Amino acid sequence: MNKLDSNDRARILHLLCEGQSIRAITRLTGASKNTVIKLLVDTGKACMAFHDIEVRNVKAKRIQVDEIWSFTYAKQKNVKEAKAAPDGAGDTWTWTAIEAETKLILSYFVGGRDSECAGWFMDDVAGRLANRVQLTSDGHKAYLDAVEGAFGADVDYAQLVKLYGAAPDAFKGRYSPAECIGTKKTTVEGNPDKKHVSTSYVERSNLTIRMHMRRFTRLTNGFSKKVENHAYAVALHMMYDNFVRIHQTLRTTPAMAAGISKKLWEVSDIVALVEAMEPKGGKRGPYKKRA
């Protein structure tokens, strides 16, 4: 079987990171669909392992968290009638935590939107921090117990609740939400600075997710068919966003701004991670922290 060289792998991964669908990539590169999917899976695993080990002990000031919706295989309302729906079919939520100053995606989690998933996500956020932070979330009730369980009293936590007016009849049933007529800032724990109680950065990051991952584009057939592949695509995007893509206002990458990386990464460096995990006369080895 022919094996893609490093340049071809980098090209395919770059196209994935810039919002191209798998079928579009097969047309542009000549690689088969299975080849592109296998590369995505291998890269997603490598990116997950790298993020889990390297993005630790982060010195941060203000963390914003939010969830972004997508679906796997079929929308939740259609899962019962769907033919051979796999495990994980239906609504799929991606939880993200961003550091407001460096724009580093500190943590991400793919799952449901229930209290159990909120607990897993917030435990991961707390485990990656080196110091006490100010934390802001929306009004999702699952955050209350999750933050309490992960941080206890060692956090300055507030919720930003958006207040909406009645949606005009012309917009009912469409994606356009009702007009936001105000916000309410509620202190939950500690002494958060009300001036910095905001979810603007994480919401902008969620927009980047929708723009850079075809699986999140609404009203298309580019949605994920397997929740595992969805998670691998998210892992690749987060790696690209943290280490490769130069943030417009920072003029550097979030990883460099946060002191996690000393160099500007390229997609070829992500390829090198994948190749380092490939078996060479033996079993594939896990990613190990750099010396």
C-alpha atoms as a PDB file:
ATOM      1  CA  MET A   1       0.000   0.000   0.000  1.00  0.00           C
ATOM      2  CA  ASN A   2       1.321   3.451  -0.894  1.00  0.00           C
ATOM      3  CA  LYS A   3       2.098   5.691   2.053  1.00  0.00           C
ATOM      4  CA  LEU A   4       1.644   9.454   2.034  1.00  0.00           C
ATOM      5  CA  ASP A   5       4.850  11.406   2.416  1.00  0.00           C
ATOM      6  CA  SER A   6       5.188  14.200   4.984  1.00  0.00           C
ATOM      7  CA  ASN A   7       4.397  16.985   2.511  1.00  0.00           C
ATOM      8  CA  ASP A   8       1.176  15.318   1.355  1.00  0.00           C
ATOM      9  CA  ARG A   9       0.135  14.747   4.959  1.00  0.00           C
ATOM     10  CA  ALA A  10       0.792  18.385   5.812  1.00  0.00           C
ATOM     11  CA  ARG A  11      -1.245  19.541   2.830  1.00  0.00           C
ATOM     12  CA  ILE A  12      -4.227  17.372   3.764  1.00  0.00           C
ATOM     13  CA  LEU A  13      -4.122  18.450   7.414  1.00  0.00           C
ATOM     14  CA  HIS A  14      -3.866  22.109   6.414  1.00  0.00           C
ATOM     15  CA  LEU A  15      -6.963  21.747   4.239  1.00  0.00           C
ATOM     16  CA  LEU A  16      -8.827  20.086   7.114  1.00  0.00           C
ATOM     17  CA  CYS A  17      -7.822  22.936   9.429  1.00  0.00           C
ATOM     18  CA  GLU A  18      -9.094  25.514   6.944  1.00  0.00           C
ATOM     19  CA  GLY A  19     -12.604  24.108   6.743  1.00  0.00           C
ATOM     20  CA  GLN A  20     -12.468  21.824   3.707  1.00  0.00           C
ATOM     21  CA  SER A  21     -14.638  18.716   3.674  1.00  0.00           C
ATOM     22  CA  ILE A  22     -13.131  15.254   3.324  1.00  0.00           C
ATOM     23  CA  ARG A  23     -14.605  14.776  -0.150  1.00  0.00           C
ATOM     24  CA  ALA A  24     -13.283  18.157  -1.275  1.00  0.00           C
ATOM     25  CA  ILE A  25      -9.825  17.161  -0.048  1.00  0.00           C
ATOM     26  CA  THR A  26      -9.971  13.919  -2.018  1.00  0.00           C
ATOM     27  CA  ARG A  27     -10.724  15.937  -5.153  1.00  0.00           C
ATOM     28  CA  LEU A  28      -7.942  18.442  -4.472  1.00  0.00           C
ATOM     29  CA  THR A  29      -5.222  15.992  -3.499  1.00  0.00           C
ATOM     30  CA  GLY A  30      -6.139  12.720  -5.191  1.00  0.00           C
ATOM     31  CA  ALA A  31      -5.961  10.869  -1.853  1.00  0.00           C
ATOM     32  CA  SER A  32      -8.732   8.382  -1.103  1.00  0.00           C
ATOM     33  CA  LYS A  33     -11.446   9.076   1.439  1.00  0.00           C
ATOM     34  CA  ASN A  34     -10.206   6.289   3.697  1.00  0.00           C
ATOM     35  CA  THR A  35      -6.676   7.691   3.565  1.00  0.00           C
ATOM     36  CA  VAL A  36      -7.855  11.147   4.640  1.00  0.00           C
ATOM     37  CA  ILE A  37      -9.989   9.713   7.452  1.00  0.00           C
ATOM     38  CA  LYS A  38      -7.150   7.508   8.715  1.00  0.00           C
ATOM     39  CA  LEU A  39      -4.793  10.482   8.731  1.00  0.00           C
ATOM     40  CA  LEU A  40      -7.379  12.513  10.654  1.00  0.00           C
ATOM     41  CA  VAL A  41      -7.788   9.727  13.230  1.00  0.00           C
ATOM     42  CA  ASP A  42      -4.037   9.256  13.696  1.00  0.00           C
ATOM     43  CA  THR A  43      -3.460  12.998  13.937  1.00  0.00           C
ATOM     44  CA  GLY A  44      -6.344  13.492  16.343  1.00  0.00           C
ATOM     45  CA  LYS A  45      -4.915  10.856  18.673  1.00  0.00           C
ATOM     46  CA  ALA A  46      -1.469  12.480  18.528  1.00  0.00           C
ATOM     47  CA  CYS A  47      -2.913  15.947  19.188  1.00  0.00           C
ATOM     48  CA  MET A  48      -4.975  14.685  22.137  1.00  0.00           C
ATOM     49  CA  ALA A  49      -1.907  13.083  23.691  1.00  0.00           C
ATOM     50  CA  PHE A  50       0.224  16.180  23.131  1.00  0.00           C
ATOM     51  CA  HIS A  51      -2.371  18.542  24.582  1.00  0.00           C
ATOM     52  CA  ASP A  52      -2.966  16.311  27.591  1.00  0.00           C
ATOM     53  CA  ILE A  53       0.734  16.284  28.520  1.00  0.00           C
ATOM     54  CA  GLU A  54       2.026  19.691  27.420  1.00  0.00           C
ATOM     55  CA  VAL A  55      -0.858  22.057  28.273  1.00  0.00           C
ATOM     56  CA  ARG A  56      -0.385  21.795  32.020  1.00  0.00           C
ATOM     57  CA  ASN A  57       0.545  24.105  34.882  1.00  0.00           C
ATOM     58  CA  VAL A  58      -0.701  27.090  32.879  1.00  0.00           C
ATOM     59  CA  LYS A  59      -0.422  30.495  34.518  1.00  0.00           C
ATOM     60  CA  ALA A  60      -3.667  32.258  33.691  1.00  0.00           C
ATOM     61  CA  LYS A  61      -5.767  35.177  34.873  1.00  0.00           C
ATOM     62  CA  ARG A  62      -9.234  34.982  33.336  1.00  0.00           C
ATOM     63  CA  ILE A  63     -10.872  31.869  31.916  1.00  0.00           C
ATOM     64  CA  GLN A  64     -14.055  31.877  29.839  1.00  0.00           C
ATOM     65  CA  VAL A  65     -16.013  28.664  29.181  1.00  0.00           C
ATOM     66  CA  ASP A  66     -18.832  27.835  26.799  1.00  0.00           C
ATOM     67  CA  GLU A  67     -20.385  25.005  24.769  1.00  0.00           C
ATOM     68  CA  ILE A  68     -20.995  24.802  21.024  1.00  0.00           C
ATOM     69  CA  TRP A  69     -23.624  22.525  19.467  1.00  0.00           C
ATOM     70  CA  SER A  70     -23.318  20.103  16.596  1.00  0.00           C
ATOM     71  CA  PHE A  71     -24.711  16.659  15.874  1.00  0.00           C
ATOM     72  CA  THR A  72     -23.405  13.223  14.956  1.00  0.00           C
ATOM     73  CA  TYR A  73     -25.045  10.978  12.318  1.00  0.00           C
ATOM     74  CA  ALA A  74     -28.493  12.544  12.792  1.00  0.00           C
ATOM     75  CA  LYS A  75     -30.122  15.320  14.749  1.00  0.00           C
ATOM     76  CA  GLN A  76     -31.433  14.224  18.131  1.00  0.00           C
ATOM     77  CA  LYS A  77     -35.071  14.333  17.050  1.00  0.00           C
ATOM     78  CA  ASN A  78     -34.317  11.987  14.129  1.00  0.00           C
ATOM     79  CA  VAL A  79     -32.144   9.410  15.900  1.00  0.00           C
ATOM     80  CA  LYS A  80     -35.001   6.996  16.686  1.00  0.00           C
ATOM     81  CA  GLU A  81     -36.001   6.787  13.015  1.00  0.00           C
ATOM     82  CA  ALA A  82     -32.410   6.775  11.702  1.00  0.00           C
ATOM     83  CA  LYS A  83     -31.181   3.538  10.120  1.00  0.00           C
ATOM     84  CA  ALA A  84     -28.392   1.793  12.080  1.00  0.00           C
ATOM     85  CA  ALA A  85     -27.625   4.831  14.210  1.00  0.00           C
ATOM     86  CA  PRO A  86     -24.300   4.259  16.052  1.00  0.00           C
ATOM     87  CA  ASP A  87     -23.590   4.943  19.708  1.00  0.00           C
ATOM     88  CA  GLY A  88     -23.227   8.668  20.264  1.00  0.00           C
ATOM     89  CA  ALA A  89     -25.657   9.653  17.516  1.00  0.00           C
ATOM     90  CA  GLY A  90     -27.587  12.865  18.091  1.00  0.00           C
ATOM     91  CA  ASP A  91     -26.647  16.116  19.753  1.00  0.00           C
ATOM     92  CA  THR A  92     -22.899  16.532  20.284  1.00  0.00           C
ATOM     93  CA  TRP A  93     -21.563  19.381  22.388  1.00  0.00           C
ATOM     94  CA  THR A  94     -18.001  20.683  22.431  1.00  0.00           C
ATOM     95  CA  TRP A  95     -17.027  22.378  25.691  1.00  0.00           C
ATOM     96  CA  THR A  96     -14.162  24.867  25.473  1.00  0.00           C
ATOM     97  CA  ALA A  97     -12.189  26.947  27.959  1.00  0.00           C
ATOM     98  CA  ILE A  98     -10.125  29.905  26.713  1.00  0.00           C
ATOM     99  CA  GLU A  99      -7.679  32.169  28.520  1.00  0.00           C
ATOM    100  CA  ALA A 100      -8.794  35.735  27.862  1.00  0.00           C
ATOM    101  CA  GLU A 101      -5.350  37.357  27.516  1.00  0.00           C
ATOM    102  CA  THR A 102      -3.412  34.736  25.553  1.00  0.00           C
ATOM    103  CA  LYS A 103      -6.433  33.219  23.713  1.00  0.00           C
ATOM    104  CA  LEU A 104      -5.090  29.764  24.588  1.00  0.00           C
ATOM    105  CA  ILE A 105      -7.653  26.958  24.402  1.00  0.00           C
ATOM    106  CA  LEU A 106      -6.851  25.547  27.812  1.00  0.00           C
ATOM    107  CA  SER A 107      -9.260  22.615  27.710  1.00  0.00           C
ATOM    108  CA  TYR A 108     -11.875  21.045  25.450  1.00  0.00           C
ATOM    109  CA  PHE A 109     -14.304  18.167  25.816  1.00  0.00           C
ATOM    110  CA  VAL A 110     -16.694  16.471  23.382  1.00  0.00           C
ATOM    111  CA  GLY A 111     -19.838  14.897  24.817  1.00  0.00           C
ATOM    112  CA  GLY A 112     -23.308  15.768  26.029  1.00  0.00           C
ATOM    113  CA  ARG A 113     -24.489  18.915  27.775  1.00  0.00           C
ATOM    114  CA  ASP A 114     -25.462  17.297  31.074  1.00  0.00           C
ATOM    115  CA  SER A 115     -24.071  17.713  34.579  1.00  0.00           C
ATOM    116  CA  GLU A 116     -21.785  14.676  34.284  1.00  0.00           C
ATOM    117  CA  CYS A 117     -20.036  16.062  31.216  1.00  0.00           C
ATOM    118  CA  ALA A 118     -19.838  19.481  32.872  1.00  0.00           C
ATOM    119  CA  GLY A 119     -18.074  17.865  35.834  1.00  0.00           C
ATOM    120  CA  TRP A 120     -15.531  16.056  33.651  1.00  0.00           C
ATOM    121  CA  PHE A 121     -14.850  19.247  31.711  1.00  0.00           C
ATOM    122  CA  MET A 122     -14.379  21.509  34.731  1.00  0.00           C
ATOM    123  CA  ASP A 123     -12.175  18.928  36.472  1.00  0.00           C
ATOM    124  CA  ASP A 124      -9.920  19.002  33.414  1.00  0.00           C
ATOM    125  CA  VAL A 125      -9.863  22.816  33.390  1.00  0.00           C
ATOM    126  CA  ALA A 126      -8.906  22.971  37.067  1.00  0.00           C
ATOM    127  CA  GLY A 127      -6.211  20.327  36.596  1.00  0.00           C
ATOM    128  CA  ARG A 128      -4.393  22.402  33.966  1.00  0.00           C
ATOM    129  CA  LEU A 129      -4.108  25.633  35.955  1.00  0.00           C
ATOM    130  CA  ALA A 130      -1.167  26.750  38.072  1.00  0.00           C
ATOM    131  CA  ASN A 131      -2.957  29.456  40.041  1.00  0.00           C
ATOM    132  CA  ARG A 132      -6.304  30.889  41.122  1.00  0.00           C
ATOM    133  CA  VAL A 133      -8.262  32.429  38.232  1.00  0.00           C
ATOM    134  CA  GLN A 134     -11.379  34.388  37.483  1.00  0.00           C
ATOM    135  CA  LEU A 135     -13.868  32.163  35.684  1.00  0.00           C
ATOM    136  CA  THR A 136     -16.895  33.201  33.622  1.00  0.00           C
ATOM    137  CA  SER A 137     -19.577  30.962  32.141  1.00  0.00           C
ATOM    138  CA  ASP A 138     -23.034  31.446  30.728  1.00  0.00           C
ATOM    139  CA  GLY A 139     -26.112  30.626  32.807  1.00  0.00           C
ATOM    140  CA  HIS A 140     -26.084  26.882  32.131  1.00  0.00           C
ATOM    141  CA  LYS A 141     -27.030  25.362  35.494  1.00  0.00           C
ATOM    142  CA  ALA A 142     -24.709  22.374  35.090  1.00  0.00           C
ATOM    143  CA  TYR A 143     -21.739  24.680  35.663  1.00  0.00           C
ATOM    144  CA  LEU A 144     -22.728  25.443  39.250  1.00  0.00           C
ATOM    145  CA  ASP A 145     -22.055  22.012  40.740  1.00  0.00           C
ATOM    146  CA  ALA A 146     -19.244  21.326  38.263  1.00  0.00           C
ATOM    147  CA  VAL A 147     -17.259  24.418  39.242  1.00  0.00           C
ATOM    148  CA  GLU A 148     -17.887  23.769  42.919  1.00  0.00           C
ATOM    149  CA  GLY A 149     -16.646  20.209  42.576  1.00  0.00           C
ATOM    150  CA  ALA A 150     -13.554  21.138  40.561  1.00  0.00           C
ATOM    151  CA  PHE A 151     -12.422  24.316  42.334  1.00  0.00           C
ATOM    152  CA  GLY A 152     -14.222  24.479  45.656  1.00  0.00           C
ATOM    153  CA  ALA A 153     -13.715  28.005  46.993  1.00  0.00           C
ATOM    154  CA  ASP A 154     -10.412  28.480  45.146  1.00  0.00           C
ATOM    155  CA  VAL A 155     -11.870  30.456  42.233  1.00  0.00           C
ATOM    156  CA  ASP A 156     -13.487  33.809  41.470  1.00  0.00           C
ATOM    157  CA  TYR A 157     -16.523  32.654  39.528  1.00  0.00           C
ATOM    158  CA  ALA A 158     -19.348  34.587  37.905  1.00  0.00           C
ATOM    159  CA  GLN A 159     -22.077  33.803  35.402  1.00  0.00           C
ATOM    160  CA  LEU A 160     -23.068  36.064  32.526  1.00  0.00           C
ATOM    161  CA  VAL A 161     -26.724  35.510  31.654  1.00  0.00           C
ATOM    162  CA  LYS A 162     -28.034  37.040  28.441  1.00  0.00           C
ATOM    163  CA  LEU A 163     -31.577  38.389  28.465  1.00  0.00           C
ATOM    164  CA  TYR A 164     -33.591  38.054  25.267  1.00  0.00           C
ATOM    165  CA  GLY A 165     -36.745  39.717  24.075  1.00  0.00           C
ATOM    166  CA  ALA A 166     -39.516  37.947  22.197  1.00  0.00           C
ATOM    167  CA  ALA A 167     -38.461  36.705  18.773  1.00  0.00           C
ATOM    168  CA  PRO A 168     -40.307  38.357  15.866  1.00  0.00           C
ATOM    169  CA  ASP A 169     -42.738  36.049  14.052  1.00  0.00           C
ATOM    170  CA  ALA A 170     -40.600  36.329  10.922  1.00  0.00           C
ATOM    171  CA  PHE A 171     -37.654  34.683  12.703  1.00  0.00           C
ATOM    172  CA  LYS A 172     -39.437  31.916  14.599  1.00  0.00           C
ATOM    173  CA  GLY A 173     -38.030  28.516  13.711  1.00  0.00           C
ATOM    174  CA  ARG A 174     -34.886  29.998  12.152  1.00  0.00           C
ATOM    175  CA  TYR A 175     -31.303  30.203  13.306  1.00  0.00           C
ATOM    176  CA  SER A 176     -31.496  33.922  14.053  1.00  0.00           C
ATOM    177  CA  PRO A 177     -32.045  34.213  17.827  1.00  0.00           C
ATOM    178  CA  ALA A 178     -34.250  36.734  19.533  1.00  0.00           C
ATOM    179  CA  GLU A 179     -32.705  40.138  20.149  1.00  0.00           C
ATOM    180  CA  CYS A 180     -30.446  40.328  23.190  1.00  0.00           C
ATOM    181  CA  ILE A 181     -31.823  43.155  25.306  1.00  0.00           C
ATOM    182  CA  GLY A 182     -29.306  42.968  28.141  1.00  0.00           C
ATOM    183  CA  THR A 183     -27.082  40.868  30.360  1.00  0.00           C
ATOM    184  CA  LYS A 184     -27.040  39.950  34.022  1.00  0.00           C
ATOM    185  CA  LYS A 185     -23.775  39.356  35.893  1.00  0.00           C
ATOM    186  CA  THR A 186     -24.087  37.093  38.922  1.00  0.00           C
ATOM    187  CA  THR A 187     -21.272  36.363  41.366  1.00  0.00           C
ATOM    188  CA  VAL A 188     -21.258  32.687  42.341  1.00  0.00           C
ATOM    189  CA  GLU A 189     -17.955  32.242  44.208  1.00  0.00           C
ATOM    190  CA  GLY A 190     -15.115  34.457  45.398  1.00  0.00           C
ATOM    191  CA  ASN A 191     -14.688  38.057  44.287  1.00  0.00           C
ATOM    192  CA  PRO A 192     -14.693  38.288  40.474  1.00  0.00           C
ATOM    193  CA  ASP A 193     -14.008  41.650  38.849  1.00  0.00           C
ATOM    194  CA  LYS A 194     -17.338  42.584  37.251  1.00  0.00           C
ATOM    195  CA  LYS A 195     -15.486  44.526  34.551  1.00  0.00           C
ATOM    196  CA  HIS A 196     -14.056  41.251  33.248  1.00  0.00           C
ATOM    197  CA  VAL A 197     -17.171  39.084  33.570  1.00  0.00           C
ATOM    198  CA  SER A 198     -17.534  38.226  29.898  1.00  0.00           C
ATOM    199  CA  THR A 199     -17.842  35.313  27.476  1.00  0.00           C
ATOM    200  CA  SER A 200     -16.983  37.322  24.358  1.00  0.00           C
ATOM    201  CA  TYR A 201     -13.647  35.642  23.666  1.00  0.00           C
ATOM    202  CA  VAL A 202     -14.905  32.088  24.006  1.00  0.00           C
ATOM    203  CA  GLU A 203     -17.924  32.877  21.833  1.00  0.00           C
ATOM    204  CA  ARG A 204     -15.599  34.309  19.179  1.00  0.00           C
ATOM    205  CA  SER A 205     -13.508  31.166  19.472  1.00  0.00           C
ATOM    206  CA  ASN A 206     -16.648  29.110  18.869  1.00  0.00           C
ATOM    207  CA  LEU A 207     -17.241  31.083  15.686  1.00  0.00           C
ATOM    208  CA  THR A 208     -13.731  30.134  14.568  1.00  0.00           C
ATOM    209  CA  ILE A 209     -14.616  26.498  15.260  1.00  0.00           C
ATOM    210  CA  ARG A 210     -17.655  26.734  12.970  1.00  0.00           C
ATOM    211  CA  MET A 211     -15.600  28.430  10.248  1.00  0.00           C
ATOM    212  CA  HIS A 212     -12.584  26.105  10.388  1.00  0.00           C
ATOM    213  CA  MET A 213     -14.264  22.707  10.793  1.00  0.00           C
ATOM    214  CA  ARG A 214     -16.620  21.516   8.092  1.00  0.00           C
ATOM    215  CA  ARG A 215     -18.327  19.206  10.592  1.00  0.00           C
ATOM    216  CA  PHE A 216     -19.778  22.238  12.362  1.00  0.00           C
ATOM    217  CA  THR A 217     -21.206  23.935   9.258  1.00  0.00           C
ATOM    218  CA  ARG A 218     -24.975  24.082   9.478  1.00  0.00           C
ATOM    219  CA  LEU A 219     -27.366  22.893   6.758  1.00  0.00           C
ATOM    220  CA  THR A 220     -24.821  20.692   4.960  1.00  0.00           C
ATOM    221  CA  ASN A 221     -24.049  16.973   4.804  1.00  0.00           C
ATOM    222  CA  GLY A 222     -20.576  17.585   6.208  1.00  0.00           C
ATOM    223  CA  PHE A 223     -21.597  16.561   9.731  1.00  0.00           C
ATOM    224  CA  SER A 224     -19.750  13.800  11.575  1.00  0.00           C
ATOM    225  CA  LYS A 225     -20.944  10.232  11.130  1.00  0.00           C
ATOM    226  CA  LYS A 226     -18.968   8.923  14.141  1.00  0.00           C
ATOM    227  CA  VAL A 227     -18.541  10.764  17.426  1.00  0.00           C
ATOM    228  CA  GLU A 228     -14.960   9.460  17.725  1.00  0.00           C
ATOM    229  CA  ASN A 229     -13.960  11.086  14.436  1.00  0.00           C
ATOM    230  CA  HIS A 230     -15.717  14.250  15.541  1.00  0.00           C
ATOM    231  CA  ALA A 231     -13.529  14.330  18.653  1.00  0.00           C
ATOM    232  CA  TYR A 232     -10.370  13.739  16.582  1.00  0.00           C
ATOM    233  CA  ALA A 233     -11.292  16.632  14.286  1.00  0.00           C
ATOM    234  CA  VAL A 234     -11.773  18.868  17.333  1.00  0.00           C
ATOM    235  CA  ALA A 235      -8.377  17.829  18.699  1.00  0.00           C
ATOM    236  CA  LEU A 236      -6.683  18.711  15.399  1.00  0.00           C
ATOM    237  CA  HIS A 237      -8.388  22.096  15.309  1.00  0.00           C
ATOM    238  CA  MET A 238      -7.381  22.944  18.873  1.00  0.00           C
ATOM    239  CA  MET A 239      -3.768  22.002  18.155  1.00  0.00           C
ATOM    240  CA  TYR A 240      -3.772  24.146  15.019  1.00  0.00           C
ATOM    241  CA  ASP A 241      -5.439  27.064  16.782  1.00  0.00           C
ATOM    242  CA  ASN A 242      -3.095  26.981  19.787  1.00  0.00           C
ATOM    243  CA  PHE A 243       0.226  26.302  18.111  1.00  0.00           C
ATOM    244  CA  VAL A 244       0.066  27.100  14.376  1.00  0.00           C
ATOM    245  CA  ARG A 245      -2.399  29.884  13.592  1.00  0.00           C
ATOM    246  CA  ILE A 246      -1.091  33.369  14.391  1.00  0.00           C
ATOM    247  CA  HIS A 247      -3.712  35.307  16.321  1.00  0.00           C
ATOM    248  CA  GLN A 248      -4.439  38.652  14.692  1.00  0.00           C
ATOM    249  CA  THR A 249      -4.298  40.762  17.856  1.00  0.00           C
ATOM    250  CA  LEU A 250      -1.495  38.824  19.569  1.00  0.00           C
ATOM    251  CA  ARG A 251       0.729  38.729  16.456  1.00  0.00           C
ATOM    252  CA  THR A 252       1.850  35.318  17.669  1.00  0.00           C
ATOM    253  CA  THR A 253       0.245  32.000  18.555  1.00  0.00           C
ATOM    254  CA  PRO A 254      -1.654  31.507  21.826  1.00  0.00           C
ATOM    255  CA  ALA A 255       0.811  28.799  22.872  1.00  0.00           C
ATOM    256  CA  MET A 256       3.740  31.209  22.530  1.00  0.00           C
ATOM    257  CA  ALA A 257       1.825  33.966  24.326  1.00  0.00           C
ATOM    258  CA  ALA A 258       1.097  31.573  27.195  1.00  0.00           C
ATOM    259  CA  GLY A 259       4.720  30.434  27.417  1.00  0.00           C
ATOM    260  CA  ILE A 260       3.923  26.833  26.467  1.00  0.00           C
ATOM    261  CA  SER A 261       5.852  26.929  23.193  1.00  0.00           C
ATOM    262  CA  LYS A 262       9.047  28.804  22.340  1.00  0.00           C
ATOM    263  CA  LYS A 263       8.647  28.457  18.587  1.00  0.00           C
ATOM    264  CA  LEU A 264       6.089  29.136  15.894  1.00  0.00           C
ATOM    265  CA  TRP A 265       4.735  25.772  14.807  1.00  0.00           C
ATOM    266  CA  GLU A 266       3.887  24.745  11.260  1.00  0.00           C
ATOM    267  CA  VAL A 267       1.554  22.004  10.096  1.00  0.00           C
ATOM    268  CA  SER A 268       4.659  19.956   9.317  1.00  0.00           C
ATOM    269  CA  ASP A 269       5.380  19.905  13.069  1.00  0.00           C
ATOM    270  CA  ILE A 270       1.993  18.282  13.666  1.00  0.00           C
ATOM    271  CA  VAL A 271       2.866  15.725  11.002  1.00  0.00           C
ATOM    272  CA  ALA A 272       6.100  15.038  12.884  1.00  0.00           C
ATOM    273  CA  LEU A 273       4.046  14.235  16.009  1.00  0.00           C
ATOM    274  CA  VAL A 274       2.019  11.693  14.055  1.00  0.00           C
ATOM    275  CA  GLU A 275       5.092  10.108  12.502  1.00  0.00           C
ATOM    276  CA  ALA A 276       6.788   9.881  15.886  1.00  0.00           C
ATOM    277  CA  MET A 277       3.891   7.733  17.128  1.00  0.00           C
ATOM    278  CA  GLU A 278       3.918   5.375  14.159  1.00  0.00           C
ATOM    279  CA  PRO A 279       5.304   1.865  14.716  1.00  0.00           C
ATOM    280  CA  LYS A 280       8.871   1.404  13.549  1.00  0.00           C
ATOM    281  CA  GLY A 281       9.539  -2.311  13.722  1.00  0.00           C
ATOM    282  CA  GLY A 282       7.432  -2.598  16.856  1.00  0.00           C
ATOM    283  CA  LYS A 283       4.325  -1.315  18.561  1.00  0.00           C
ATOM    284  CA  ARG A 284       3.253   2.293  18.352  1.00  0.00           C
ATOM    285  CA  GLY A 285       4.482   4.257  21.326  1.00  0.00           C
ATOM    286  CA  PRO A 286       2.543   6.933  23.213  1.00  0.00           C
ATOM    287  CA  TYR A 287       3.562  10.570  23.127  1.00  0.00           C
ATOM    288  CA  LYS A 288       6.047  11.395  25.871  1.00  0.00           C
ATOM    289  CA  LYS A 289       6.758  14.803  27.319  1.00  0.00           C
ATOM    290  CA  ARG A 290       9.758  16.474  25.763  1.00  0.00           C
ATOM    291  CA  ALA A 291      12.949  16.705  27.802  1.00  0.00           C
END
